[in-house]
Protein backbone atom coordinates (compact mmCIF):
# COMPACT_ATOMS: atom_id res chain seq x y z
CA MET A 1 29.16 7.29 -36.12
CA PRO A 2 30.72 5.64 -32.78
CA ALA A 3 28.78 5.51 -29.58
CA LYS A 4 31.36 7.72 -27.84
CA SER A 5 30.99 9.86 -30.75
CA ARG A 6 27.23 10.53 -30.83
CA ALA A 7 27.55 10.69 -26.68
CA ILE A 8 30.20 13.73 -27.27
CA ASP A 9 28.05 15.41 -29.52
CA SER A 10 25.06 15.10 -27.75
CA THR A 11 26.37 16.88 -24.72
CA THR A 12 28.84 19.59 -26.14
CA PRO A 13 26.59 22.30 -26.77
CA ALA A 14 24.58 21.28 -23.50
CA LEU A 15 27.86 21.65 -21.78
CA THR A 16 28.62 24.92 -23.76
CA LEU A 17 25.83 26.89 -22.56
CA ILE A 18 26.37 24.90 -18.79
CA CYS A 19 29.98 26.93 -18.76
CA LEU A 20 29.02 30.09 -19.96
CA ILE A 21 26.41 30.64 -17.68
CA TRP A 22 28.64 29.17 -14.70
CA ALA A 23 31.40 31.91 -15.80
CA ILE A 24 28.95 34.73 -16.25
CA PHE A 25 27.94 33.82 -12.28
CA ALA A 26 31.82 33.66 -11.42
CA LEU A 27 32.30 37.25 -13.08
CA ALA A 28 29.05 38.70 -11.44
CA THR A 29 29.87 37.09 -8.23
CA LEU A 30 33.55 37.95 -8.38
CA PHE A 31 32.84 41.74 -9.92
CA PRO A 32 29.61 42.54 -8.44
CA PHE A 33 30.35 46.39 -9.55
CA LEU A 34 29.72 45.50 -12.96
CA GLY A 35 26.31 45.29 -12.26
CA LEU A 36 25.47 42.38 -14.57
CA ARG A 37 22.45 40.97 -12.53
CA GLN A 38 20.65 44.25 -13.35
CA TRP A 39 20.50 42.36 -17.27
CA GLY A 40 17.58 40.76 -16.36
CA ILE A 41 13.61 41.10 -17.51
CA HIS A 42 12.35 44.00 -16.24
CA PRO A 43 8.52 43.58 -17.66
CA ARG A 44 7.17 46.18 -19.60
CA THR A 45 10.24 48.52 -19.93
CA LEU A 46 12.54 49.19 -22.50
CA PHE A 47 15.44 48.18 -20.97
CA GLY A 48 13.74 45.25 -19.59
CA LEU A 49 13.64 43.96 -23.26
CA ALA A 50 17.10 43.23 -23.36
CA GLY A 51 16.88 40.80 -20.56
CA ILE A 52 14.84 38.82 -23.04
CA LEU A 53 18.52 38.25 -24.01
CA PHE A 54 20.47 38.04 -21.08
CA ALA A 55 17.93 37.28 -18.20
CA PRO A 56 18.67 33.03 -18.53
CA LEU A 57 22.58 32.93 -18.36
CA LEU A 58 22.53 35.29 -14.95
CA HIS A 59 21.40 33.81 -11.63
CA ALA A 60 21.05 35.26 -8.38
CA GLY A 61 23.34 32.95 -5.94
CA LEU A 62 24.66 29.66 -5.74
CA PHE A 63 21.62 27.59 -4.85
CA HIS A 64 19.50 29.74 -8.03
CA ILE A 65 22.52 28.27 -10.81
CA ALA A 66 22.97 25.00 -8.83
CA ALA A 67 19.00 24.49 -9.07
CA ASN A 68 19.14 25.04 -12.99
CA THR A 69 22.08 23.50 -13.78
CA ILE A 70 21.28 19.77 -13.55
CA PRO A 71 17.68 20.22 -15.28
CA LEU A 72 18.77 22.25 -17.91
CA PHE A 73 22.07 19.94 -19.08
CA VAL A 74 19.39 16.87 -18.68
CA MET A 75 16.91 18.69 -21.04
CA LEU A 76 19.59 19.93 -23.67
CA VAL A 77 20.86 16.36 -23.78
CA LEU A 78 17.45 15.14 -24.07
CA LEU A 79 16.86 18.19 -26.74
CA GLN A 80 20.07 16.88 -28.70
CA ILE A 81 19.34 13.51 -28.79
CA GLN A 82 15.14 14.44 -29.98
CA SER A 83 16.11 16.16 -33.15
CA ALA A 84 20.13 17.77 -33.34
CA ARG A 85 19.20 19.33 -36.34
CA HIS A 86 16.83 21.08 -35.19
CA SER A 87 17.99 21.71 -31.48
CA LEU A 88 19.58 24.96 -31.84
CA ASP A 89 16.43 26.73 -33.44
CA THR A 90 14.20 24.51 -30.70
CA LEU A 91 16.43 26.29 -28.08
CA ALA A 92 16.29 30.23 -29.36
CA ARG A 93 12.62 30.15 -30.14
CA ILE A 94 11.93 28.98 -26.79
CA TRP A 95 14.65 31.42 -25.11
CA LEU A 96 13.08 34.16 -27.03
CA LEU A 97 9.48 33.48 -26.76
CA SER A 98 9.28 32.68 -23.00
CA GLY A 99 11.26 35.87 -22.45
CA PHE A 100 8.92 38.22 -24.06
CA GLY A 101 6.48 36.50 -22.18
CA THR A 102 7.80 36.93 -18.92
CA TRP A 103 8.51 40.65 -20.26
CA LEU A 104 4.99 40.91 -20.82
CA ILE A 105 3.29 39.41 -17.78
CA GLY A 106 5.42 39.99 -15.37
CA ARG A 107 5.32 41.98 -12.13
CA SER A 108 5.88 45.74 -12.45
CA GLY A 109 9.70 46.57 -10.53
CA SER A 110 10.57 42.87 -10.44
CA ASN A 111 14.44 41.84 -12.19
CA HIS A 112 13.53 38.03 -13.51
CA ILE A 113 17.03 36.12 -13.92
CA GLY A 114 17.95 32.44 -14.40
CA ALA A 115 17.69 29.90 -16.72
CA SER A 116 14.12 28.69 -15.35
CA GLY A 117 12.15 29.78 -17.83
CA LEU A 118 14.77 27.49 -20.64
CA VAL A 119 14.41 24.63 -18.12
CA TYR A 120 10.51 24.92 -18.11
CA GLY A 121 10.36 25.41 -21.72
CA LEU A 122 12.54 22.65 -22.49
CA LEU A 123 10.75 19.95 -19.98
CA SER A 124 7.00 21.08 -21.33
CA TYR A 125 8.62 21.33 -25.42
CA LEU A 126 10.32 17.53 -24.69
CA ILE A 127 6.64 16.52 -23.32
CA ALA A 128 4.30 17.76 -26.04
CA ALA A 129 6.93 17.33 -28.81
CA GLY A 130 5.60 13.39 -28.21
CA PHE A 131 2.28 13.79 -28.83
CA TYR A 132 2.94 16.57 -31.65
CA GLN A 133 5.31 14.34 -33.49
CA ARG A 134 3.98 11.46 -32.90
CA ASP A 135 7.31 9.35 -33.65
CA TRP A 136 9.25 6.96 -30.55
CA LYS A 137 11.55 8.54 -29.76
CA SER A 138 10.14 12.16 -29.18
CA ILE A 139 7.05 10.12 -27.15
CA LEU A 140 9.71 7.94 -25.08
CA ILE A 141 11.86 10.92 -24.09
CA GLY A 142 8.14 12.50 -23.19
CA PHE A 143 7.79 10.07 -20.94
CA LEU A 144 10.75 9.88 -19.57
CA VAL A 145 11.00 13.86 -18.82
CA LEU A 146 7.86 13.66 -17.65
CA PHE A 147 8.27 10.49 -15.12
CA SER A 148 11.85 12.51 -14.12
CA TYR A 149 10.71 15.85 -13.83
CA GLY A 150 7.28 16.35 -14.24
CA GLY A 151 7.00 17.33 -10.60
CA LEU A 152 7.87 21.06 -11.59
CA LEU A 153 5.36 21.56 -13.15
CA TRP A 154 3.75 22.52 -10.00
CA ARG A 155 5.83 25.52 -10.18
CA ILE A 156 4.29 27.05 -12.61
CA LEU A 157 1.38 28.72 -10.64
CA PRO A 158 1.50 31.73 -9.05
CA SER A 159 3.75 31.42 -5.75
CA TYR A 160 5.19 33.77 -3.31
CA TRP A 161 8.14 31.25 -2.83
CA PHE A 162 9.41 31.15 -6.71
CA VAL A 163 10.07 34.38 -7.51
CA SER A 164 9.57 34.58 -11.19
CA TRP A 165 7.05 31.76 -11.61
CA GLU A 166 6.16 34.24 -14.61
CA GLY A 167 9.10 32.72 -16.21
CA HIS A 168 8.37 29.42 -15.48
CA LEU A 169 4.78 29.68 -16.61
CA CYS A 170 6.11 31.45 -20.32
CA GLY A 171 8.70 28.94 -20.27
CA ALA A 172 6.11 25.97 -20.14
CA VAL A 173 4.25 27.83 -22.60
CA ALA A 174 6.63 28.52 -25.09
CA GLY A 175 7.82 24.93 -24.92
CA VAL A 176 4.15 23.49 -25.98
CA VAL A 177 4.07 26.54 -28.29
CA VAL A 178 7.38 25.74 -30.21
CA ALA A 179 6.21 21.84 -30.04
CA SER A 180 3.23 22.65 -32.16
CA TRP A 181 4.80 24.50 -34.37
CA ARG A 182 7.73 22.09 -35.04
CA GLY A 183 5.35 19.23 -35.38
CA ARG A 184 3.02 20.93 -37.79
CA LYS A 185 6.48 20.78 -40.04
């Protein structure tokens, strides 16, 4: 397969998800009466369970979505490069586990939205996959991610400044769990 075709194959899923997130953000911003942002994760409520599916697609504002866009794109492309065959399954598992974890431990009365759980899940997955899978490509990608984005790991600690540190933490845990599970296969 030519290099150009491989590059397109690696970026297409990432661009598709990013475009979907931005389209939903535009819709929520232009038509606030639709109340799309209410579909986040509301911890330990029946309604909040739906947020496990929808929260990563919703963002509170321009700074929020912009802060998630580039790291999410980079992590998704690296996931596709690391294991194209398992990338969708890996993303789905991280998406669901991080959302469910946030639903379990999130502060009562809060509404968790944004793709941060995915970013942290993919970040920790790509780092841990090098350890669990022990192949050169996974190890190299893990070091690249750790070097480039390792500073983000401080944001999994409880903090007043990060509304959904629980989402960050649960995403990171989900990534390690999925990497461990994938490494045993």
